[in-house]
Amino acid sequence: MNDPLTLTQPERFVLTGCSGGGKSTLLAELERRGEQVVPEVGRALVREQMAKGSDLLPWANAPDFTLELARRTIAAYDDAPTGRVFFDRGLIDVIAHFDFLGEPIPLWLADASARVRYASPVFVVPPWPEIYEDEGERGKDFARAVAEYDALCAAYDRYGYNRTEIAPAPIIARADFVLSTSNESIDDDVIDGTTKAVDGHRKPDRGIDL
């Protein structure tokens, strides 16, 4: 029997990485090309709470915010359409935030990570200082964003995912790379079966030749 932490769902791809690294712009380009996209749950939650005047915000009440983020991330996964879909961050991002805060991961969340699985590789945008801006919804400087990125990569490794880095490049090249790599991953799964076991802790590939 396969370890659930080494199983993937072949058409559910995550785009994750450093805040301000161009991830949301890349997701918008994929959506423009007709791909199915699930927006970032955390950003929507921040906007909602700010509109309410609530303190359920990552810079005001991080532990409770992260718990609510976990619940909504699972709901977004369960509500996602069939076929190939690209998620703007995933459940492992939430677990990584608990790690970053030094908070224990709730048992129910650790258990959920065995069911809420994504395709491998996970697409990761690295820190990109030249384009980084604190948009207010993030409430963090670049150094903190990089520290969170390091925790994120460690968490994806720990939970058995391979990572493929999307190098800084024009948006068209980045989108082309994501689509070609995801096509190859899906083709491999068709050959191997509907759910593929992967080897964790692989160093990230760098994938765009300019």
C-alpha atoms as a PDB file:
ATOM      1  CA  MET A   1       0.000   0.000   0.000  1.00  0.00           C
ATOM      2  CA  ASN A   2       1.269   3.472  -0.895  1.00  0.00           C
ATOM      3  CA  ASP A   3       1.996   5.958   1.867  1.00  0.00           C
ATOM      4  CA  PRO A   4      -0.689   8.693   1.568  1.00  0.00           C
ATOM      5  CA  LEU A   5       2.007  11.329   1.927  1.00  0.00           C
ATOM      6  CA  THR A   6       3.581  10.156  -1.344  1.00  0.00           C
ATOM      7  CA  LEU A   7       0.362  10.104  -3.389  1.00  0.00           C
ATOM      8  CA  THR A   8      -0.692  12.902  -5.707  1.00  0.00           C
ATOM      9  CA  GLN A   9      -3.848  13.945  -7.561  1.00  0.00           C
ATOM     10  CA  PRO A  10      -2.599  14.179 -11.139  1.00  0.00           C
ATOM     11  CA  GLU A  11      -4.633  17.176 -12.407  1.00  0.00           C
ATOM     12  CA  ARG A  12      -4.645  19.397  -9.293  1.00  0.00           C
ATOM     13  CA  PHE A  13      -1.587  21.619  -9.600  1.00  0.00           C
ATOM     14  CA  VAL A  14      -0.403  24.137  -7.012  1.00  0.00           C
ATOM     15  CA  LEU A  15       1.397  27.361  -7.766  1.00  0.00           C
ATOM     16  CA  THR A  16       3.098  28.546  -4.605  1.00  0.00           C
ATOM     17  CA  GLY A  17       6.236  30.329  -3.510  1.00  0.00           C
ATOM     18  CA  CYS A  18       7.444  33.673  -2.252  1.00  0.00           C
ATOM     19  CA  SER A  19       4.993  36.517  -1.795  1.00  0.00           C
ATOM     20  CA  GLY A  20       5.507  39.131  -4.478  1.00  0.00           C
ATOM     21  CA  GLY A  21       7.205  36.653  -6.825  1.00  0.00           C
ATOM     22  CA  GLY A  22       4.694  37.067  -9.657  1.00  0.00           C
ATOM     23  CA  LYS A  23       2.501  34.091  -8.804  1.00  0.00           C
ATOM     24  CA  SER A  24      -0.850  35.839  -9.067  1.00  0.00           C
ATOM     25  CA  THR A  25       0.118  37.427 -12.388  1.00  0.00           C
ATOM     26  CA  LEU A  26       1.057  33.981 -13.681  1.00  0.00           C
ATOM     27  CA  LEU A  27      -2.266  32.511 -12.545  1.00  0.00           C
ATOM     28  CA  ALA A  28      -4.089  35.335 -14.337  1.00  0.00           C
ATOM     29  CA  GLU A  29      -2.219  34.497 -17.554  1.00  0.00           C
ATOM     30  CA  LEU A  30      -3.149  30.821 -17.233  1.00  0.00           C
ATOM     31  CA  GLU A  31      -6.783  31.784 -16.714  1.00  0.00           C
ATOM     32  CA  ARG A  32      -6.622  34.082 -19.745  1.00  0.00           C
ATOM     33  CA  ARG A  33      -5.555  31.057 -21.783  1.00  0.00           C
ATOM     34  CA  GLY A  34      -8.649  29.152 -20.670  1.00  0.00           C
ATOM     35  CA  GLU A  35      -7.206  27.165 -17.773  1.00  0.00           C
ATOM     36  CA  GLN A  36      -9.246  26.536 -14.620  1.00  0.00           C
ATOM     37  CA  VAL A  37      -7.854  28.510 -11.689  1.00  0.00           C
ATOM     38  CA  VAL A  38      -8.715  28.586  -7.972  1.00  0.00           C
ATOM     39  CA  PRO A  39      -7.787  32.021  -6.549  1.00  0.00           C
ATOM     40  CA  GLU A  40      -5.675  32.486  -3.434  1.00  0.00           C
ATOM     41  CA  VAL A  41      -7.870  31.801  -0.404  1.00  0.00           C
ATOM     42  CA  GLY A  42      -5.714  33.790   1.995  1.00  0.00           C
ATOM     43  CA  ARG A  43      -5.877  37.033   0.049  1.00  0.00           C
ATOM     44  CA  ALA A  44      -9.675  36.778  -0.234  1.00  0.00           C
ATOM     45  CA  LEU A  45      -9.916  36.123   3.502  1.00  0.00           C
ATOM     46  CA  VAL A  46      -7.770  39.159   4.318  1.00  0.00           C
ATOM     47  CA  ARG A  47      -9.911  41.412   2.102  1.00  0.00           C
ATOM     48  CA  GLU A  48     -13.082  40.063   3.692  1.00  0.00           C
ATOM     49  CA  GLN A  49     -11.871  40.620   7.239  1.00  0.00           C
ATOM     50  CA  MET A  50     -10.511  44.096   6.487  1.00  0.00           C
ATOM     51  CA  ALA A  51     -13.869  45.073   5.006  1.00  0.00           C
ATOM     52  CA  LYS A  52     -15.561  43.904   8.207  1.00  0.00           C
ATOM     53  CA  GLY A  53     -13.118  45.743  10.430  1.00  0.00           C
ATOM     54  CA  SER A  54     -12.216  42.406  12.016  1.00  0.00           C
ATOM     55  CA  ASP A  55      -8.910  41.578  13.697  1.00  0.00           C
ATOM     56  CA  LEU A  56      -8.908  38.095  12.139  1.00  0.00           C
ATOM     57  CA  LEU A  57      -5.834  39.060  10.138  1.00  0.00           C
ATOM     58  CA  PRO A  58      -2.373  37.518   9.826  1.00  0.00           C
ATOM     59  CA  TRP A  59      -0.665  40.523  11.432  1.00  0.00           C
ATOM     60  CA  ALA A  60      -3.227  40.879  14.249  1.00  0.00           C
ATOM     61  CA  ASN A  61      -4.321  37.353  15.159  1.00  0.00           C
ATOM     62  CA  ALA A  62      -2.147  34.957  13.216  1.00  0.00           C
ATOM     63  CA  PRO A  63      -3.084  31.622  14.894  1.00  0.00           C
ATOM     64  CA  ASP A  64      -6.862  32.076  14.497  1.00  0.00           C
ATOM     65  CA  PHE A  65      -6.442  33.504  11.006  1.00  0.00           C
ATOM     66  CA  THR A  66      -4.410  30.455   9.988  1.00  0.00           C
ATOM     67  CA  LEU A  67      -7.040  28.059  11.365  1.00  0.00           C
ATOM     68  CA  GLU A  68      -9.766  29.772   9.343  1.00  0.00           C
ATOM     69  CA  LEU A  69      -7.477  29.782   6.320  1.00  0.00           C
ATOM     70  CA  ALA A  70      -7.030  26.009   6.681  1.00  0.00           C
ATOM     71  CA  ARG A  71     -10.786  25.416   6.757  1.00  0.00           C
ATOM     72  CA  ARG A  72     -11.380  27.555   3.690  1.00  0.00           C
ATOM     73  CA  THR A  73      -8.460  26.033   1.792  1.00  0.00           C
ATOM     74  CA  ILE A  74      -9.928  22.561   2.290  1.00  0.00           C
ATOM     75  CA  ALA A  75     -13.344  23.828   1.161  1.00  0.00           C
ATOM     76  CA  ALA A  76     -11.801  25.369  -1.960  1.00  0.00           C
ATOM     77  CA  TYR A  77     -10.137  22.053  -2.763  1.00  0.00           C
ATOM     78  CA  ASP A  78     -13.388  20.139  -2.328  1.00  0.00           C
ATOM     79  CA  ASP A  79     -15.312  22.637  -4.466  1.00  0.00           C
ATOM     80  CA  ALA A  80     -12.757  22.749  -7.292  1.00  0.00           C
ATOM     81  CA  PRO A  81     -13.886  21.670 -10.769  1.00  0.00           C
ATOM     82  CA  THR A  82     -12.861  18.416 -12.378  1.00  0.00           C
ATOM     83  CA  GLY A  83     -10.103  18.307 -14.968  1.00  0.00           C
ATOM     84  CA  ARG A  84      -6.847  20.229 -14.848  1.00  0.00           C
ATOM     85  CA  VAL A  85      -6.951  23.037 -12.326  1.00  0.00           C
ATOM     86  CA  PHE A  86      -4.298  25.364 -10.923  1.00  0.00           C
ATOM     87  CA  PHE A  87      -4.545  26.407  -7.278  1.00  0.00           C
ATOM     88  CA  ASP A  88      -3.085  29.685  -6.054  1.00  0.00           C
ATOM     89  CA  ARG A  89      -1.453  28.097  -2.984  1.00  0.00           C
ATOM     90  CA  GLY A  90      -2.548  24.898  -1.244  1.00  0.00           C
ATOM     91  CA  LEU A  91      -3.037  23.280   2.134  1.00  0.00           C
ATOM     92  CA  ILE A  92       0.687  22.737   2.652  1.00  0.00           C
ATOM     93  CA  ASP A  93       1.106  26.520   2.513  1.00  0.00           C
ATOM     94  CA  VAL A  94      -1.158  26.727   5.570  1.00  0.00           C
ATOM     95  CA  ILE A  95       0.816  24.031   7.395  1.00  0.00           C
ATOM     96  CA  ALA A  96       4.031  25.890   6.555  1.00  0.00           C
ATOM     97  CA  HIS A  97       2.584  29.019   8.139  1.00  0.00           C
ATOM     98  CA  PHE A  98       1.975  27.140  11.384  1.00  0.00           C
ATOM     99  CA  ASP A  99       5.622  26.057  11.219  1.00  0.00           C
ATOM    100  CA  PHE A 100       6.733  29.639  10.611  1.00  0.00           C
ATOM    101  CA  LEU A 101       4.703  30.874  13.581  1.00  0.00           C
ATOM    102  CA  GLY A 102       6.126  28.148  15.816  1.00  0.00           C
ATOM    103  CA  GLU A 103       2.592  26.914  16.481  1.00  0.00           C
ATOM    104  CA  PRO A 104       1.688  23.191  16.703  1.00  0.00           C
ATOM    105  CA  ILE A 105      -0.138  21.815  13.689  1.00  0.00           C
ATOM    106  CA  PRO A 106      -3.657  20.704  14.702  1.00  0.00           C
ATOM    107  CA  LEU A 107      -4.182  16.962  14.387  1.00  0.00           C
ATOM    108  CA  TRP A 108      -7.225  17.414  12.169  1.00  0.00           C
ATOM    109  CA  LEU A 109      -5.148  19.510   9.771  1.00  0.00           C
ATOM    110  CA  ALA A 110      -2.321  16.972   9.638  1.00  0.00           C
ATOM    111  CA  ASP A 111      -4.909  14.279   8.907  1.00  0.00           C
ATOM    112  CA  ALA A 112      -6.504  16.418   6.181  1.00  0.00           C
ATOM    113  CA  SER A 113      -3.175  16.731   4.387  1.00  0.00           C
ATOM    114  CA  ALA A 114      -3.351  13.007   3.565  1.00  0.00           C
ATOM    115  CA  ARG A 115      -6.630  13.536   1.701  1.00  0.00           C
ATOM    116  CA  VAL A 116      -6.093  16.999   0.238  1.00  0.00           C
ATOM    117  CA  ARG A 117      -3.317  16.073  -2.148  1.00  0.00           C
ATOM    118  CA  TYR A 118      -2.056  17.829  -5.244  1.00  0.00           C
ATOM    119  CA  ALA A 119      -0.152  16.940  -8.393  1.00  0.00           C
ATOM    120  CA  SER A 120       3.596  16.641  -8.426  1.00  0.00           C
ATOM    121  CA  PRO A 121       5.576  18.667  -9.225  1.00  0.00           C
ATOM    122  CA  VAL A 122       4.420  21.673  -7.250  1.00  0.00           C
ATOM    123  CA  PHE A 123       5.273  24.895  -9.106  1.00  0.00           C
ATOM    124  CA  VAL A 124       7.251  27.344  -6.971  1.00  0.00           C
ATOM    125  CA  VAL A 125       8.037  31.002  -7.683  1.00  0.00           C
ATOM    126  CA  PRO A 126      11.267  32.039  -5.929  1.00  0.00           C
ATOM    127  CA  PRO A 127      11.942  35.386  -4.240  1.00  0.00           C
ATOM    128  CA  TRP A 128      12.138  38.170  -6.825  1.00  0.00           C
ATOM    129  CA  PRO A 129      13.286  41.367  -5.072  1.00  0.00           C
ATOM    130  CA  GLU A 130      13.121  43.513  -8.209  1.00  0.00           C
ATOM    131  CA  ILE A 131       9.327  43.232  -8.415  1.00  0.00           C
ATOM    132  CA  TYR A 132       8.418  42.791  -4.746  1.00  0.00           C
ATOM    133  CA  GLU A 133       5.889  45.245  -3.318  1.00  0.00           C
ATOM    134  CA  ASP A 134       4.049  45.150   0.001  1.00  0.00           C
ATOM    135  CA  GLU A 135       0.486  45.633  -1.207  1.00  0.00           C
ATOM    136  CA  GLY A 136      -0.957  46.134   2.271  1.00  0.00           C
ATOM    137  CA  GLU A 137      -2.796  42.807   2.218  1.00  0.00           C
ATOM    138  CA  ARG A 138       0.505  41.059   2.871  1.00  0.00           C
ATOM    139  CA  GLY A 139       1.660  43.265   5.714  1.00  0.00           C
ATOM    140  CA  LYS A 140       5.262  42.052   5.466  1.00  0.00           C
ATOM    141  CA  ASP A 141       8.646  43.207   4.247  1.00  0.00           C
ATOM    142  CA  PHE A 142      10.808  41.283   1.798  1.00  0.00           C
ATOM    143  CA  ALA A 143      12.977  39.631   4.482  1.00  0.00           C
ATOM    144  CA  ARG A 144       9.895  38.158   6.161  1.00  0.00           C
ATOM    145  CA  ALA A 145       8.559  37.017   2.797  1.00  0.00           C
ATOM    146  CA  VAL A 146      11.813  35.120   2.157  1.00  0.00           C
ATOM    147  CA  ALA A 147      11.725  33.514   5.618  1.00  0.00           C
ATOM    148  CA  GLU A 148       8.166  32.336   4.973  1.00  0.00           C
ATOM    149  CA  TYR A 149       9.297  31.008   1.578  1.00  0.00           C
ATOM    150  CA  ASP A 150      11.997  28.900   3.232  1.00  0.00           C
ATOM    151  CA  ALA A 151       9.431  27.406   5.632  1.00  0.00           C
ATOM    152  CA  LEU A 152       7.141  26.731   2.686  1.00  0.00           C
ATOM    153  CA  CYS A 153       9.752  24.785   0.728  1.00  0.00           C
ATOM    154  CA  ALA A 154      10.643  22.726   3.799  1.00  0.00           C
ATOM    155  CA  ALA A 155       6.985  21.833   4.362  1.00  0.00           C
ATOM    156  CA  TYR A 156       6.402  20.705   0.767  1.00  0.00           C
ATOM    157  CA  ASP A 157       9.506  18.524   0.996  1.00  0.00           C
ATOM    158  CA  ARG A 158       8.354  17.044   4.306  1.00  0.00           C
ATOM    159  CA  TYR A 159       4.959  16.139   2.895  1.00  0.00           C
ATOM    160  CA  GLY A 160       6.400  14.256  -0.059  1.00  0.00           C
ATOM    161  CA  TYR A 161       6.109  16.693  -2.956  1.00  0.00           C
ATOM    162  CA  ASN A 162       8.615  17.396  -5.677  1.00  0.00           C
ATOM    163  CA  ARG A 163       9.169  21.096  -6.379  1.00  0.00           C
ATOM    164  CA  THR A 164       9.814  22.723  -9.733  1.00  0.00           C
ATOM    165  CA  GLU A 165      11.030  26.294  -9.586  1.00  0.00           C
ATOM    166  CA  ILE A 166       9.631  28.810 -12.060  1.00  0.00           C
ATOM    167  CA  ALA A 167      12.605  31.062 -12.671  1.00  0.00           C
ATOM    168  CA  PRO A 168      12.074  34.822 -13.058  1.00  0.00           C
ATOM    169  CA  ALA A 169      11.162  35.411 -16.694  1.00  0.00           C
ATOM    170  CA  PRO A 170       8.591  37.169 -18.880  1.00  0.00           C
ATOM    171  CA  ILE A 171       5.071  36.059 -18.037  1.00  0.00           C
ATOM    172  CA  ILE A 172       4.530  34.328 -21.402  1.00  0.00           C
ATOM    173  CA  ALA A 173       7.606  32.136 -20.867  1.00  0.00           C
ATOM    174  CA  ARG A 174       6.543  31.290 -17.326  1.00  0.00           C
ATOM    175  CA  ALA A 175       3.043  30.292 -18.430  1.00  0.00           C
ATOM    176  CA  ASP A 176       4.388  28.199 -21.319  1.00  0.00           C
ATOM    177  CA  PHE A 177       6.679  26.379 -18.898  1.00  0.00           C
ATOM    178  CA  VAL A 178       3.897  25.626 -16.409  1.00  0.00           C
ATOM    179  CA  LEU A 179       1.586  24.274 -19.098  1.00  0.00           C
ATOM    180  CA  SER A 180       4.213  22.109 -20.802  1.00  0.00           C
ATOM    181  CA  THR A 181       5.426  20.700 -17.473  1.00  0.00           C
ATOM    182  CA  SER A 182       1.894  19.957 -16.257  1.00  0.00           C
ATOM    183  CA  ASN A 183       1.110  18.261 -19.587  1.00  0.00           C
ATOM    184  CA  GLU A 184       4.138  16.008 -19.139  1.00  0.00           C
ATOM    185  CA  SER A 185       3.090  15.203 -15.562  1.00  0.00           C
ATOM    186  CA  ILE A 186      -0.447  14.280 -16.626  1.00  0.00           C
ATOM    187  CA  ASP A 187       0.887  12.139 -19.498  1.00  0.00           C
ATOM    188  CA  ASP A 188       3.113  10.269 -17.047  1.00  0.00           C
ATOM    189  CA  ASP A 189       0.113   9.601 -14.813  1.00  0.00           C
ATOM    190  CA  VAL A 190      -1.905   8.239 -17.725  1.00  0.00           C
ATOM    191  CA  ILE A 191       0.882   5.717 -18.284  1.00  0.00           C
ATOM    192  CA  ASP A 192       1.425   4.883 -14.603  1.00  0.00           C
ATOM    193  CA  GLY A 193      -2.201   4.983 -13.371  1.00  0.00           C
ATOM    194  CA  THR A 194      -4.649   7.561 -12.097  1.00  0.00           C
ATOM    195  CA  THR A 195      -2.782   8.284  -8.849  1.00  0.00           C
ATOM    196  CA  LYS A 196       0.985   8.458  -8.859  1.00  0.00           C
ATOM    197  CA  ALA A 197       3.452   7.886  -6.046  1.00  0.00           C
ATOM    198  CA  VAL A 198       6.385  10.286  -6.029  1.00  0.00           C
ATOM    199  CA  ASP A 199       9.741  10.534  -4.329  1.00  0.00           C
ATOM    200  CA  GLY A 200       9.852  13.376  -1.832  1.00  0.00           C
ATOM    201  CA  HIS A 201      12.735  15.639  -0.860  1.00  0.00           C
ATOM    202  CA  ARG A 202      13.987  16.117  -4.408  1.00  0.00           C
ATOM    203  CA  LYS A 203      15.835  19.339  -5.034  1.00  0.00           C
ATOM    204  CA  PRO A 204      13.785  21.748  -7.166  1.00  0.00           C
ATOM    205  CA  ASP A 205      14.275  21.804 -10.911  1.00  0.00           C
ATOM    206  CA  ARG A 206      14.976  25.145 -12.538  1.00  0.00           C
ATOM    207  CA  GLY A 207      12.936  25.151 -15.619  1.00  0.00           C
ATOM    208  CA  ILE A 208      13.048  28.129 -18.013  1.00  0.00           C
ATOM    209  CA  ASP A 209      15.744  28.720 -20.569  1.00  0.00           C
ATOM    210  CA  LEU A 210      15.783  32.341 -21.711  1.00  0.00           C
END
